[in-house]
Amino acid sequence: QVQLVESGGGLVQPGGSLRLSCAASGFTFSSTTMNWYRRAPGKERELVATISSASGRTNYADSVKGRFTISRDNAKNTVYLQMNSLKPEDTAVYYCTADLWVGRRWGQGTQVTVSS
């Protein structure tokens, strides 16, 4: 059974940092492309960052380039999202996803709130 469990969200002041984690199980993590999405209130879902399985190549939304870093630890079956210089507009529920051959699977999400 595929499971994706996000953690690390919370309340942070503008300019602060958070690191999100996503623990994966039930599939071959090391050969799976992983993504972070977010959905802000009243806005469409946004692909934030992607990390490929083989090369570890990364891609980012323009809105987070230079501030967010996606990484993975295949030994721990975990993908991370380091978020620095956070802005109020980064407030959203953040979701970890796995691109499996049967389709994309989603975690339950973790809330990130950036506010003073």
C-alpha atoms as a PDB file:
ATOM      1  CA  GLN A   1       0.000   0.000   0.000  1.00  0.00           C
ATOM      2  CA  VAL A   2       1.412   3.348  -1.067  1.00  0.00           C
ATOM      3  CA  GLN A   3       1.801   5.855   1.739  1.00  0.00           C
ATOM      4  CA  LEU A   4       3.123   9.405   1.677  1.00  0.00           C
ATOM      5  CA  VAL A   5       3.266  11.180   5.020  1.00  0.00           C
ATOM      6  CA  GLU A   6       4.213  14.853   5.106  1.00  0.00           C
ATOM      7  CA  SER A   7       5.489  16.659   8.173  1.00  0.00           C
ATOM      8  CA  GLY A   8       7.250  19.854   9.119  1.00  0.00           C
ATOM      9  CA  GLY A   9       4.577  22.431   8.392  1.00  0.00           C
ATOM     10  CA  GLY A  10       3.640  25.181  10.791  1.00  0.00           C
ATOM     11  CA  LEU A  11       3.492  28.888  11.435  1.00  0.00           C
ATOM     12  CA  VAL A  12       6.536  30.968  10.536  1.00  0.00           C
ATOM     13  CA  GLN A  13       7.241  34.676  10.244  1.00  0.00           C
ATOM     14  CA  PRO A  14       8.033  36.262   6.888  1.00  0.00           C
ATOM     15  CA  GLY A  15      11.686  35.733   6.049  1.00  0.00           C
ATOM     16  CA  GLY A  16      11.816  32.545   8.066  1.00  0.00           C
ATOM     17  CA  SER A  17      12.521  28.966   7.054  1.00  0.00           C
ATOM     18  CA  LEU A  18      10.858  25.579   7.266  1.00  0.00           C
ATOM     19  CA  ARG A  19      11.817  22.126   6.085  1.00  0.00           C
ATOM     20  CA  LEU A  20       9.082  19.796   4.973  1.00  0.00           C
ATOM     21  CA  SER A  21       9.598  16.040   4.928  1.00  0.00           C
ATOM     22  CA  CYS A  22       7.678  13.315   3.140  1.00  0.00           C
ATOM     23  CA  ALA A  23       8.175   9.728   4.256  1.00  0.00           C
ATOM     24  CA  ALA A  24       7.283   7.253   1.513  1.00  0.00           C
ATOM     25  CA  SER A  25       6.465   3.564   1.618  1.00  0.00           C
ATOM     26  CA  GLY A  26       4.807   0.878  -0.469  1.00  0.00           C
ATOM     27  CA  PHE A  27       6.751   1.449  -3.680  1.00  0.00           C
ATOM     28  CA  THR A  28      10.316   1.610  -4.996  1.00  0.00           C
ATOM     29  CA  PHE A  29      11.166   5.110  -3.868  1.00  0.00           C
ATOM     30  CA  SER A  30      14.607   5.314  -5.475  1.00  0.00           C
ATOM     31  CA  SER A  31      13.161   4.861  -8.974  1.00  0.00           C
ATOM     32  CA  THR A  32      10.259   7.280  -8.568  1.00  0.00           C
ATOM     33  CA  THR A  33      10.037  10.943  -9.481  1.00  0.00           C
ATOM     34  CA  MET A  34       8.786  12.944  -6.513  1.00  0.00           C
ATOM     35  CA  ASN A  35       7.073  16.314  -6.406  1.00  0.00           C
ATOM     36  CA  TRP A  36       5.847  18.956  -4.019  1.00  0.00           C
ATOM     37  CA  TYR A  37       2.591  20.753  -4.824  1.00  0.00           C
ATOM     38  CA  ARG A  38       0.757  23.421  -2.906  1.00  0.00           C
ATOM     39  CA  ARG A  39      -2.759  24.818  -2.800  1.00  0.00           C
ATOM     40  CA  ALA A  40      -3.399  28.240  -1.357  1.00  0.00           C
ATOM     41  CA  PRO A  41      -6.875  29.408  -0.350  1.00  0.00           C
ATOM     42  CA  GLY A  42      -8.791  30.582  -3.400  1.00  0.00           C
ATOM     43  CA  LYS A  43      -5.995  29.636  -5.786  1.00  0.00           C
ATOM     44  CA  GLU A  44      -5.313  26.775  -8.151  1.00  0.00           C
ATOM     45  CA  ARG A  45      -3.002  23.978  -7.214  1.00  0.00           C
ATOM     46  CA  GLU A  46       0.632  24.749  -8.076  1.00  0.00           C
ATOM     47  CA  LEU A  47       3.544  22.441  -8.818  1.00  0.00           C
ATOM     48  CA  VAL A  48       6.317  23.770  -6.585  1.00  0.00           C
ATOM     49  CA  ALA A  49       9.262  21.436  -7.195  1.00  0.00           C
ATOM     50  CA  THR A  50      10.205  18.126  -8.810  1.00  0.00           C
ATOM     51  CA  ILE A  51      13.128  15.782  -8.308  1.00  0.00           C
ATOM     52  CA  SER A  52      13.759  12.946 -10.725  1.00  0.00           C
ATOM     53  CA  SER A  53      14.677   9.454  -9.699  1.00  0.00           C
ATOM     54  CA  ALA A  54      17.719   8.631 -11.768  1.00  0.00           C
ATOM     55  CA  SER A  55      19.678  11.834 -12.092  1.00  0.00           C
ATOM     56  CA  GLY A  56      18.190  13.705  -9.174  1.00  0.00           C
ATOM     57  CA  ARG A  57      17.540  16.583 -11.550  1.00  0.00           C
ATOM     58  CA  THR A  58      15.356  19.261 -10.046  1.00  0.00           C
ATOM     59  CA  ASN A  59      12.850  21.771 -11.367  1.00  0.00           C
ATOM     60  CA  TYR A  60      11.117  24.632  -9.601  1.00  0.00           C
ATOM     61  CA  ALA A  61       8.232  26.975 -10.087  1.00  0.00           C
ATOM     62  CA  ASP A  62       9.388  30.491 -10.884  1.00  0.00           C
ATOM     63  CA  SER A  63       7.697  31.709  -7.718  1.00  0.00           C
ATOM     64  CA  VAL A  64      10.073  29.699  -5.498  1.00  0.00           C
ATOM     65  CA  LYS A  65      13.317  29.571  -7.486  1.00  0.00           C
ATOM     66  CA  GLY A  66      16.282  30.578  -5.391  1.00  0.00           C
ATOM     67  CA  ARG A  67      14.326  30.181  -2.145  1.00  0.00           C
ATOM     68  CA  PHE A  68      13.191  26.532  -2.065  1.00  0.00           C
ATOM     69  CA  THR A  69      15.294  23.392  -2.470  1.00  0.00           C
ATOM     70  CA  ILE A  70      13.961  19.895  -3.080  1.00  0.00           C
ATOM     71  CA  SER A  71      16.127  16.929  -2.157  1.00  0.00           C
ATOM     72  CA  ARG A  72      15.800  13.228  -1.510  1.00  0.00           C
ATOM     73  CA  ASP A  73      17.383  10.557   0.655  1.00  0.00           C
ATOM     74  CA  ASN A  74      16.843   7.224  -1.049  1.00  0.00           C
ATOM     75  CA  ALA A  75      18.214   5.351   1.958  1.00  0.00           C
ATOM     76  CA  LYS A  76      15.457   6.840   4.116  1.00  0.00           C
ATOM     77  CA  ASN A  77      12.733   6.855   1.436  1.00  0.00           C
ATOM     78  CA  THR A  78      12.210  10.514   2.170  1.00  0.00           C
ATOM     79  CA  VAL A  79      11.909  13.652   0.081  1.00  0.00           C
ATOM     80  CA  TYR A  80      12.428  17.111   1.538  1.00  0.00           C
ATOM     81  CA  LEU A  81      11.516  20.672   0.716  1.00  0.00           C
ATOM     82  CA  GLN A  82      13.731  23.287   2.306  1.00  0.00           C
ATOM     83  CA  MET A  83      11.935  26.620   2.238  1.00  0.00           C
ATOM     84  CA  ASN A  84      13.868  29.799   2.953  1.00  0.00           C
ATOM     85  CA  SER A  85      12.964  33.488   2.790  1.00  0.00           C
ATOM     86  CA  LEU A  86       9.332  32.592   3.196  1.00  0.00           C
ATOM     87  CA  LYS A  87       6.689  35.087   2.127  1.00  0.00           C
ATOM     88  CA  PRO A  88       3.021  35.413   3.118  1.00  0.00           C
ATOM     89  CA  GLU A  89       2.101  34.258  -0.387  1.00  0.00           C
ATOM     90  CA  ASP A  90       3.779  30.921   0.341  1.00  0.00           C
ATOM     91  CA  THR A  91       0.940  30.167   2.758  1.00  0.00           C
ATOM     92  CA  ALA A  92      -0.712  26.978   1.530  1.00  0.00           C
ATOM     93  CA  VAL A  93      -1.242  23.304   2.137  1.00  0.00           C
ATOM     94  CA  TYR A  94       1.808  21.494   0.771  1.00  0.00           C
ATOM     95  CA  TYR A  95       1.448  18.032  -0.713  1.00  0.00           C
ATOM     96  CA  CYS A  96       4.030  15.409  -1.539  1.00  0.00           C
ATOM     97  CA  THR A  97       3.337  13.277  -4.619  1.00  0.00           C
ATOM     98  CA  ALA A  98       4.853  10.213  -6.221  1.00  0.00           C
ATOM     99  CA  ASP A  99       4.697   9.576  -9.981  1.00  0.00           C
ATOM    100  CA  LEU A 100       3.976   5.833 -10.147  1.00  0.00           C
ATOM    101  CA  TRP A 101       3.215   3.757 -13.214  1.00  0.00           C
ATOM    102  CA  VAL A 102      -0.351   3.391 -11.951  1.00  0.00           C
ATOM    103  CA  GLY A 103      -0.705   7.141 -11.578  1.00  0.00           C
ATOM    104  CA  ARG A 104       0.204   9.979  -9.245  1.00  0.00           C
ATOM    105  CA  ARG A 105      -0.273   9.361  -5.557  1.00  0.00           C
ATOM    106  CA  TRP A 106      -0.774  12.136  -2.998  1.00  0.00           C
ATOM    107  CA  GLY A 107      -0.026  12.604   0.651  1.00  0.00           C
ATOM    108  CA  GLN A 108      -2.499  14.158   3.064  1.00  0.00           C
ATOM    109  CA  GLY A 109      -0.768  17.542   3.049  1.00  0.00           C
ATOM    110  CA  THR A 110       0.791  19.777   5.651  1.00  0.00           C
ATOM    111  CA  GLN A 111      -0.207  23.365   6.365  1.00  0.00           C
ATOM    112  CA  VAL A 112       2.365  26.138   6.021  1.00  0.00           C
ATOM    113  CA  THR A 113       1.353  29.576   7.266  1.00  0.00           C
ATOM    114  CA  VAL A 114       3.620  32.571   6.807  1.00  0.00           C
ATOM    115  CA  SER A 115       2.449  35.457   8.941  1.00  0.00           C
ATOM    116  CA  SER A 116       3.709  37.997  11.435  1.00  0.00           C
END
